[in-house]
Amino acid sequence: MKLSHLAALSFSLATLNCMAQTEPQQLGIEEKAVLDMAALACKQDQQAAVGAIALRDKGKTKEELSKPLPPRGPDNNRLAKLMYEILDDIYGYPEIKEFPYYVFRSEMCFRSAQGLSNPSGFPVIARKALECQTTHGAAQSHELINCIRGVVIKGIGK
């Protein structure tokens, strides 16, 4: 991904965070437009999660997937921080399947884009998310989506 795309994504997320703290009507836009922008910005998180799990499931090691990333550090850009977090999650919890983790990442991103709080990370809700996966299966279903969304919301103490 080119730097200009990263800059655009960072700008989009910053804009969404600002917009989330303002009523959509005050900005002269519809709430649907805010959600559409969040969906576009969160696509990168979703693709990164799905791609990393696919590579993990094909036998790639965490070290192999980390190699092209810059060294981990506080000055990493958003994408590098996201990738390290995803790798920690999916290798720390190898039993998590693609769709349940996709739902988790999507929910975290959408909530952030709307200015809502999130659990501090997957480890906080992993046990409950895995229970959702066991109960509802790993395939796409409304029950699984609602279960993981509920776990994310409960993970912040609400």
N, C-alpha and C. Protein backbone atom coordinates (compact mmCIF):
# COMPACT_ATOMS: atom_id res chain seq x y z
N MET A 1 0.85 -1.17 0.00
CA MET A 1 0.00 0.00 0.00
C MET A 1 0.89 1.23 0.00
N LYS A 2 0.58 2.19 -0.84
CA LYS A 2 1.39 3.39 -0.94
C LYS A 2 1.14 4.30 0.25
N LEU A 3 2.14 5.14 0.54
CA LEU A 3 2.03 6.06 1.65
C LEU A 3 0.81 6.96 1.52
N SER A 4 0.49 7.40 0.29
CA SER A 4 -0.66 8.27 0.10
C SER A 4 -1.95 7.58 0.53
N HIS A 5 -2.04 6.27 0.30
CA HIS A 5 -3.22 5.53 0.74
C HIS A 5 -3.28 5.45 2.26
N LEU A 6 -2.11 5.26 2.89
CA LEU A 6 -2.07 5.23 4.35
C LEU A 6 -2.45 6.59 4.92
N ALA A 7 -1.95 7.64 4.30
CA ALA A 7 -2.29 8.99 4.77
C ALA A 7 -3.78 9.24 4.61
N ALA A 8 -4.35 8.81 3.51
CA ALA A 8 -5.78 8.99 3.29
C ALA A 8 -6.59 8.21 4.31
N LEU A 9 -6.16 6.98 4.61
CA LEU A 9 -6.87 6.18 5.60
C LEU A 9 -6.77 6.83 6.97
N SER A 10 -5.58 7.29 7.35
CA SER A 10 -5.42 7.95 8.65
C SER A 10 -6.29 9.19 8.73
N PHE A 11 -6.33 9.96 7.64
CA PHE A 11 -7.18 11.15 7.61
C PHE A 11 -8.64 10.76 7.75
N SER A 12 -9.05 9.70 7.05
CA SER A 12 -10.44 9.25 7.13
C SER A 12 -10.81 8.85 8.55
N LEU A 13 -9.92 8.12 9.22
CA LEU A 13 -10.21 7.69 10.59
C LEU A 13 -10.24 8.89 11.54
N ALA A 14 -9.32 9.82 11.35
CA ALA A 14 -9.32 11.02 12.19
C ALA A 14 -10.61 11.83 11.96
N THR A 15 -11.01 11.94 10.71
CA THR A 15 -12.24 12.64 10.38
C THR A 15 -13.44 11.95 11.02
N LEU A 16 -13.46 10.62 10.92
CA LEU A 16 -14.57 9.87 11.52
C LEU A 16 -14.61 10.05 13.02
N ASN A 17 -13.45 10.06 13.67
CA ASN A 17 -13.43 10.26 15.12
C ASN A 17 -13.96 11.64 15.48
N CYS A 18 -13.59 12.64 14.71
CA CYS A 18 -14.09 13.99 14.93
C CYS A 18 -15.60 14.04 14.70
N MET A 19 -16.03 13.40 13.61
CA MET A 19 -17.45 13.40 13.26
C MET A 19 -18.26 12.66 14.32
N ALA A 20 -17.69 11.64 14.89
CA ALA A 20 -18.41 10.84 15.87
C ALA A 20 -18.71 11.66 17.12
N GLN A 21 -17.92 12.69 17.36
CA GLN A 21 -18.13 13.52 18.53
C GLN A 21 -19.05 14.71 18.22
N THR A 22 -19.55 14.77 16.99
CA THR A 22 -20.42 15.84 16.55
C THR A 22 -21.68 15.22 15.97
N GLU A 23 -22.80 15.83 16.21
CA GLU A 23 -24.04 15.33 15.62
C GLU A 23 -23.94 15.44 14.10
N PRO A 24 -24.31 14.38 13.35
CA PRO A 24 -24.23 14.43 11.89
C PRO A 24 -24.96 15.62 11.30
N GLN A 25 -26.09 16.00 11.91
CA GLN A 25 -26.85 17.13 11.39
C GLN A 25 -26.07 18.43 11.50
N GLN A 26 -25.22 18.56 12.54
CA GLN A 26 -24.40 19.75 12.70
C GLN A 26 -23.36 19.86 11.59
N LEU A 27 -22.97 18.73 11.03
CA LEU A 27 -22.00 18.73 9.95
C LEU A 27 -22.68 18.85 8.59
N GLY A 28 -24.00 18.81 8.59
CA GLY A 28 -24.73 18.90 7.34
C GLY A 28 -24.71 17.61 6.54
N ILE A 29 -24.51 16.48 7.22
CA ILE A 29 -24.49 15.20 6.53
C ILE A 29 -25.44 14.23 7.23
N GLU A 30 -25.82 13.24 6.52
CA GLU A 30 -26.70 12.22 7.07
C GLU A 30 -25.89 11.21 7.88
N GLU A 31 -26.53 10.63 8.87
CA GLU A 31 -25.87 9.60 9.68
C GLU A 31 -25.40 8.45 8.81
N LYS A 32 -26.16 8.12 7.77
CA LYS A 32 -25.78 7.04 6.86
C LYS A 32 -24.43 7.33 6.21
N ALA A 33 -24.17 8.60 5.88
CA ALA A 33 -22.89 8.95 5.27
C ALA A 33 -21.74 8.68 6.23
N VAL A 34 -21.95 8.95 7.51
CA VAL A 34 -20.92 8.67 8.51
C VAL A 34 -20.65 7.16 8.56
N LEU A 35 -21.72 6.38 8.55
CA LEU A 35 -21.55 4.92 8.59
C LEU A 35 -20.89 4.41 7.32
N ASP A 36 -21.22 5.01 6.18
CA ASP A 36 -20.58 4.62 4.92
C ASP A 36 -19.09 4.90 4.95
N MET A 37 -18.71 6.05 5.53
CA MET A 37 -17.29 6.39 5.64
C MET A 37 -16.58 5.42 6.59
N ALA A 38 -17.26 5.05 7.66
CA ALA A 38 -16.67 4.09 8.61
C ALA A 38 -16.45 2.75 7.93
N ALA A 39 -17.42 2.33 7.13
CA ALA A 39 -17.29 1.05 6.41
C ALA A 39 -16.08 1.07 5.49
N LEU A 40 -15.88 2.16 4.80
CA LEU A 40 -14.74 2.28 3.89
C LEU A 40 -13.42 2.26 4.66
N ALA A 41 -13.37 3.01 5.74
CA ALA A 41 -12.13 3.08 6.53
C ALA A 41 -11.82 1.73 7.19
N CYS A 42 -12.84 0.99 7.59
CA CYS A 42 -12.64 -0.26 8.31
C CYS A 42 -12.33 -1.44 7.39
N LYS A 43 -12.49 -1.25 6.11
CA LYS A 43 -12.22 -2.33 5.16
C LYS A 43 -10.77 -2.82 5.28
N GLN A 44 -9.85 -1.91 5.52
CA GLN A 44 -8.44 -2.29 5.67
C GLN A 44 -8.24 -3.21 6.87
N ASP A 45 -8.89 -2.90 7.98
CA ASP A 45 -8.78 -3.75 9.17
C ASP A 45 -9.31 -5.14 8.87
N GLN A 46 -10.45 -5.19 8.19
CA GLN A 46 -11.08 -6.46 7.86
C GLN A 46 -10.19 -7.29 6.94
N GLN A 47 -9.66 -6.65 5.90
CA GLN A 47 -8.80 -7.36 4.94
C GLN A 47 -7.53 -7.85 5.60
N ALA A 48 -6.95 -7.04 6.47
CA ALA A 48 -5.73 -7.44 7.17
C ALA A 48 -5.99 -8.66 8.05
N ALA A 49 -7.12 -8.66 8.75
CA ALA A 49 -7.45 -9.79 9.64
C ALA A 49 -7.66 -11.07 8.84
N VAL A 50 -8.45 -10.98 7.79
CA VAL A 50 -8.75 -12.17 6.97
C VAL A 50 -7.48 -12.69 6.29
N GLY A 51 -6.68 -11.78 5.75
CA GLY A 51 -5.45 -12.19 5.08
C GLY A 51 -4.46 -12.85 6.02
N ALA A 52 -4.32 -12.29 7.21
CA ALA A 52 -3.37 -12.86 8.19
C ALA A 52 -3.82 -14.25 8.64
N ILE A 53 -5.11 -14.42 8.88
CA ILE A 53 -5.60 -15.74 9.30
C ILE A 53 -5.44 -16.75 8.17
N ALA A 54 -5.70 -16.34 6.95
CA ALA A 54 -5.54 -17.25 5.81
C ALA A 54 -4.08 -17.72 5.72
N LEU A 55 -3.15 -16.80 5.89
CA LEU A 55 -1.73 -17.17 5.83
C LEU A 55 -1.33 -18.04 7.03
N ARG A 56 -1.86 -17.71 8.21
CA ARG A 56 -1.60 -18.54 9.39
C ARG A 56 -2.08 -19.97 9.15
N ASP A 57 -3.29 -20.08 8.59
CA ASP A 57 -3.88 -21.40 8.36
C ASP A 57 -3.18 -22.17 7.24
N LYS A 58 -2.40 -21.47 6.42
CA LYS A 58 -1.59 -22.14 5.39
C LYS A 58 -0.20 -22.49 5.90
N GLY A 59 0.03 -22.24 7.20
CA GLY A 59 1.29 -22.66 7.81
C GLY A 59 2.34 -21.57 7.96
N LYS A 60 2.03 -20.34 7.59
CA LYS A 60 3.02 -19.26 7.78
C LYS A 60 3.17 -18.98 9.27
N THR A 61 4.40 -18.72 9.68
CA THR A 61 4.66 -18.43 11.09
C THR A 61 4.47 -16.94 11.36
N LYS A 62 4.33 -16.63 12.62
CA LYS A 62 4.22 -15.23 13.03
C LYS A 62 5.46 -14.45 12.61
N GLU A 63 6.61 -15.09 12.74
CA GLU A 63 7.86 -14.43 12.37
C GLU A 63 7.90 -14.12 10.87
N GLU A 64 7.43 -15.05 10.06
CA GLU A 64 7.40 -14.81 8.61
C GLU A 64 6.48 -13.63 8.26
N LEU A 65 5.36 -13.53 8.93
CA LEU A 65 4.43 -12.45 8.64
C LEU A 65 4.90 -11.12 9.23
N SER A 66 5.69 -11.17 10.29
CA SER A 66 6.21 -9.95 10.91
C SER A 66 7.41 -9.38 10.16
N LYS A 67 8.10 -10.22 9.42
CA LYS A 67 9.36 -9.82 8.78
C LYS A 67 9.25 -8.55 7.92
N PRO A 68 8.22 -8.38 7.08
CA PRO A 68 8.16 -7.17 6.26
C PRO A 68 7.75 -5.91 7.02
N LEU A 69 7.32 -6.06 8.28
CA LEU A 69 6.89 -4.90 9.06
C LEU A 69 8.09 -4.16 9.63
N PRO A 70 7.92 -2.87 9.90
CA PRO A 70 9.01 -2.15 10.58
C PRO A 70 9.14 -2.69 12.00
N PRO A 71 10.29 -2.49 12.64
CA PRO A 71 10.42 -2.96 14.02
C PRO A 71 9.28 -2.38 14.87
N ARG A 72 8.78 -3.20 15.79
CA ARG A 72 7.68 -2.76 16.64
C ARG A 72 8.15 -1.61 17.51
N GLY A 73 7.32 -0.57 17.58
CA GLY A 73 7.68 0.57 18.42
C GLY A 73 6.55 1.57 18.53
N PRO A 74 6.68 2.50 19.46
CA PRO A 74 5.62 3.48 19.70
C PRO A 74 5.40 4.44 18.54
N ASP A 75 6.37 4.56 17.66
CA ASP A 75 6.24 5.48 16.53
C ASP A 75 5.71 4.80 15.26
N ASN A 76 5.33 3.53 15.37
CA ASN A 76 4.77 2.84 14.21
C ASN A 76 3.50 3.55 13.73
N ASN A 77 3.29 3.49 12.41
CA ASN A 77 2.05 4.05 11.88
C ASN A 77 0.88 3.13 12.22
N ARG A 78 -0.32 3.58 11.92
CA ARG A 78 -1.53 2.84 12.28
C ARG A 78 -1.53 1.44 11.70
N LEU A 79 -1.12 1.29 10.45
CA LEU A 79 -1.15 -0.02 9.79
C LEU A 79 -0.18 -0.99 10.45
N ALA A 80 1.02 -0.54 10.78
CA ALA A 80 1.99 -1.42 11.44
C ALA A 80 1.48 -1.84 12.81
N LYS A 81 0.92 -0.90 13.58
CA LYS A 81 0.37 -1.23 14.90
C LYS A 81 -0.76 -2.25 14.75
N LEU A 82 -1.63 -2.03 13.76
CA LEU A 82 -2.74 -2.95 13.50
C LEU A 82 -2.22 -4.34 13.18
N MET A 83 -1.22 -4.43 12.30
CA MET A 83 -0.70 -5.74 11.90
C MET A 83 -0.07 -6.48 13.08
N TYR A 84 0.69 -5.78 13.90
CA TYR A 84 1.27 -6.43 15.08
C TYR A 84 0.18 -6.92 16.03
N GLU A 85 -0.86 -6.11 16.21
CA GLU A 85 -1.97 -6.52 17.09
C GLU A 85 -2.68 -7.75 16.53
N ILE A 86 -2.94 -7.75 15.23
CA ILE A 86 -3.59 -8.90 14.59
C ILE A 86 -2.73 -10.15 14.76
N LEU A 87 -1.44 -10.03 14.49
CA LEU A 87 -0.55 -11.20 14.61
C LEU A 87 -0.50 -11.72 16.04
N ASP A 88 -0.44 -10.80 17.01
CA ASP A 88 -0.46 -11.23 18.42
C ASP A 88 -1.76 -11.98 18.72
N ASP A 89 -2.87 -11.46 18.22
CA ASP A 89 -4.17 -12.08 18.48
C ASP A 89 -4.28 -13.46 17.86
N ILE A 90 -4.01 -13.56 16.59
CA ILE A 90 -4.29 -14.82 15.88
C ILE A 90 -3.29 -15.92 16.18
N TYR A 91 -2.07 -15.55 16.59
CA TYR A 91 -1.11 -16.57 17.00
C TYR A 91 -1.22 -16.85 18.49
N GLY A 92 -1.69 -15.88 19.25
CA GLY A 92 -1.94 -16.11 20.68
C GLY A 92 -3.19 -16.96 20.92
N TYR A 93 -4.10 -16.90 19.95
CA TYR A 93 -5.35 -17.66 20.03
C TYR A 93 -5.55 -18.38 18.70
N PRO A 94 -4.73 -19.40 18.42
CA PRO A 94 -4.77 -20.05 17.11
C PRO A 94 -6.09 -20.74 16.79
N GLU A 95 -6.92 -20.95 17.81
CA GLU A 95 -8.20 -21.59 17.57
C GLU A 95 -9.25 -20.64 17.01
N ILE A 96 -8.98 -19.32 17.04
CA ILE A 96 -9.95 -18.37 16.48
C ILE A 96 -9.96 -18.52 14.95
N LYS A 97 -11.15 -18.60 14.42
CA LYS A 97 -11.33 -18.79 12.98
C LYS A 97 -11.53 -17.45 12.29
N GLU A 98 -11.50 -17.50 10.97
CA GLU A 98 -11.51 -16.28 10.15
C GLU A 98 -12.75 -15.41 10.39
N PHE A 99 -13.94 -15.95 10.25
CA PHE A 99 -15.12 -15.09 10.34
C PHE A 99 -15.34 -14.51 11.74
N PRO A 100 -15.22 -15.29 12.80
CA PRO A 100 -15.38 -14.68 14.12
C PRO A 100 -14.37 -13.56 14.39
N TYR A 101 -13.13 -13.74 13.94
CA TYR A 101 -12.13 -12.68 14.16
C TYR A 101 -12.43 -11.48 13.27
N TYR A 102 -12.91 -11.73 12.08
CA TYR A 102 -13.33 -10.65 11.17
C TYR A 102 -14.42 -9.81 11.85
N VAL A 103 -15.38 -10.47 12.47
CA VAL A 103 -16.46 -9.75 13.16
C VAL A 103 -15.88 -8.92 14.30
N PHE A 104 -14.98 -9.49 15.07
CA PHE A 104 -14.34 -8.75 16.17
C PHE A 104 -13.64 -7.51 15.64
N ARG A 105 -12.79 -7.67 14.63
CA ARG A 105 -12.05 -6.53 14.06
C ARG A 105 -13.00 -5.48 13.50
N SER A 106 -14.05 -5.93 12.82
CA SER A 106 -15.03 -5.00 12.25
C SER A 106 -15.70 -4.19 13.34
N GLU A 107 -16.14 -4.87 14.37
CA GLU A 107 -16.84 -4.20 15.47
C GLU A 107 -15.92 -3.20 16.16
N MET A 108 -14.69 -3.58 16.40
CA MET A 108 -13.73 -2.67 17.04
C MET A 108 -13.51 -1.42 16.20
N CYS A 109 -13.35 -1.61 14.90
CA CYS A 109 -13.11 -0.47 14.02
C CYS A 109 -14.34 0.43 13.92
N PHE A 110 -15.51 -0.17 13.70
CA PHE A 110 -16.72 0.64 13.59
C PHE A 110 -16.99 1.42 14.87
N ARG A 111 -16.77 0.79 16.00
CA ARG A 111 -16.99 1.50 17.26
C ARG A 111 -15.99 2.65 17.42
N SER A 112 -14.74 2.42 17.07
CA SER A 112 -13.74 3.49 17.15
C SER A 112 -14.10 4.64 16.22
N ALA A 113 -14.52 4.30 15.00
CA ALA A 113 -14.86 5.32 14.02
C ALA A 113 -16.05 6.17 14.48
N GLN A 114 -16.89 5.59 15.32
CA GLN A 114 -18.05 6.32 15.83
C GLN A 114 -17.79 6.97 17.19
N GLY A 115 -16.54 6.89 17.64
CA GLY A 115 -16.17 7.51 18.91
C GLY A 115 -16.63 6.74 20.13
N LEU A 116 -16.95 5.46 19.96
CA LEU A 116 -17.39 4.63 21.08
C LEU A 116 -16.20 3.88 21.67
N SER A 117 -16.28 3.55 22.95
CA SER A 117 -15.17 2.84 23.58
C SER A 117 -15.16 1.37 23.20
N ASN A 118 -13.99 0.79 23.32
CA ASN A 118 -13.74 -0.61 22.97
C ASN A 118 -13.00 -1.29 24.11
N PRO A 119 -13.07 -2.63 24.15
CA PRO A 119 -12.17 -3.35 25.06
C PRO A 119 -10.72 -3.06 24.65
N SER A 120 -9.80 -3.25 25.54
CA SER A 120 -8.41 -2.90 25.23
C SER A 120 -7.75 -3.85 24.23
N GLY A 121 -8.42 -4.89 23.81
CA GLY A 121 -7.87 -5.79 22.81
C GLY A 121 -8.52 -7.15 22.85
N PHE A 122 -8.15 -7.99 21.90
CA PHE A 122 -8.75 -9.31 21.80
C PHE A 122 -8.54 -10.16 23.04
N PRO A 123 -7.35 -10.14 23.66
CA PRO A 123 -7.17 -10.99 24.85
C PRO A 123 -8.22 -10.75 25.95
N VAL A 124 -8.74 -9.53 26.03
CA VAL A 124 -9.74 -9.20 27.05
C VAL A 124 -11.03 -9.99 26.83
N ILE A 125 -11.38 -10.24 25.58
CA ILE A 125 -12.66 -10.90 25.28
C ILE A 125 -12.49 -12.25 24.60
N ALA A 126 -11.26 -12.72 24.45
CA ALA A 126 -10.98 -13.94 23.67
C ALA A 126 -11.78 -15.14 24.15
N ARG A 127 -11.80 -15.38 25.44
CA ARG A 127 -12.50 -16.57 25.95
C ARG A 127 -13.98 -16.53 25.56
N LYS A 128 -14.61 -15.38 25.71
CA LYS A 128 -16.03 -15.25 25.37
C LYS A 128 -16.25 -15.33 23.86
N ALA A 129 -15.34 -14.74 23.09
CA ALA A 129 -15.46 -14.81 21.63
C ALA A 129 -15.33 -16.25 21.15
N LEU A 130 -14.43 -17.01 21.77
CA LEU A 130 -14.28 -18.42 21.41
C LEU A 130 -15.51 -19.22 21.82
N GLU A 131 -16.16 -18.83 22.91
CA GLU A 131 -17.42 -19.48 23.29
C GLU A 131 -18.48 -19.22 22.22
N CYS A 132 -18.52 -17.99 21.69
CA CYS A 132 -19.46 -17.68 20.60
C CYS A 132 -19.18 -18.59 19.40
N GLN A 133 -17.90 -18.74 19.07
CA GLN A 133 -17.50 -19.58 17.95
C GLN A 133 -17.91 -21.03 18.18
N THR A 134 -17.72 -21.52 19.39
CA THR A 134 -18.10 -22.90 19.72
C THR A 134 -19.61 -23.08 19.66
N THR A 135 -20.34 -22.14 20.21
CA THR A 135 -21.80 -22.23 20.28
C THR A 135 -22.46 -22.09 18.91
N HIS A 136 -21.98 -21.12 18.12
CA HIS A 136 -22.67 -20.77 16.87
C HIS A 136 -21.92 -21.23 15.61
N GLY A 137 -20.75 -21.84 15.79
CA GLY A 137 -19.95 -22.25 14.64
C GLY A 137 -19.12 -21.09 14.12
N ALA A 138 -18.21 -21.41 13.23
CA ALA A 138 -17.30 -20.39 12.70
C ALA A 138 -17.81 -19.77 11.40
N ALA A 139 -18.87 -20.32 10.83
CA ALA A 139 -19.41 -19.79 9.58
C ALA A 139 -20.27 -18.56 9.85
N GLN A 140 -20.42 -17.76 8.83
CA GLN A 140 -21.20 -16.53 8.93
C GLN A 140 -22.64 -16.84 9.33
N SER A 141 -23.08 -16.16 10.40
CA SER A 141 -24.48 -16.27 10.83
C SER A 141 -24.81 -15.04 11.67
N HIS A 142 -26.09 -14.69 11.69
CA HIS A 142 -26.52 -13.56 12.51
C HIS A 142 -26.26 -13.83 13.99
N GLU A 143 -26.45 -15.08 14.39
CA GLU A 143 -26.25 -15.44 15.79
C GLU A 143 -24.79 -15.22 16.22
N LEU A 144 -23.87 -15.64 15.37
CA LEU A 144 -22.44 -15.46 15.68
C LEU A 144 -22.09 -13.97 15.72
N ILE A 145 -22.56 -13.23 14.74
CA ILE A 145 -22.28 -11.79 14.70
C ILE A 145 -22.81 -11.12 15.96
N ASN A 146 -24.06 -11.39 16.31
CA ASN A 146 -24.65 -10.76 17.49
C ASN A 146 -23.95 -11.18 18.78
N CYS A 147 -23.52 -12.43 18.84
CA CYS A 147 -22.80 -12.91 20.02
C CYS A 147 -21.48 -12.16 20.19
N ILE A 148 -20.70 -12.06 19.13
CA ILE A 148 -19.40 -11.39 19.24
C ILE A 148 -19.58 -9.89 19.48
N ARG A 149 -20.56 -9.29 18.83
CA ARG A 149 -20.83 -7.87 19.09
C ARG A 149 -21.17 -7.67 20.57
N GLY A 150 -21.98 -8.56 21.12
CA GLY A 150 -22.32 -8.47 22.54
C GLY A 150 -21.11 -8.62 23.44
N VAL A 151 -20.22 -9.53 23.06
CA VAL A 151 -18.99 -9.74 23.83
C VAL A 151 -18.12 -8.48 23.81
N VAL A 152 -18.02 -7.84 22.67
CA VAL A 152 -17.22 -6.60 22.57
C VAL A 152 -17.84 -5.54 23.48
N ILE A 153 -19.15 -5.38 23.41
CA ILE A 153 -19.81 -4.36 24.24
C ILE A 153 -19.65 -4.70 25.72
N LYS A 154 -19.83 -5.94 26.11
CA LYS A 154 -19.66 -6.34 27.52
C LYS A 154 -18.21 -6.22 27.95
N GLY A 155 -17.28 -6.36 27.00
CA GLY A 155 -15.85 -6.26 27.30
C GLY A 155 -15.42 -4.88 27.75
N ILE A 156 -16.27 -3.88 27.50
CA ILE A 156 -15.95 -2.52 27.97
C ILE A 156 -16.71 -2.20 29.24
N GLY A 157 -17.41 -3.20 29.78
CA GLY A 157 -18.09 -3.01 31.05
C GLY A 157 -19.48 -2.41 30.92
N LYS A 158 -20.05 -2.43 29.72
CA LYS A 158 -21.40 -1.88 29.54
C LYS A 158 -22.39 -2.98 29.33
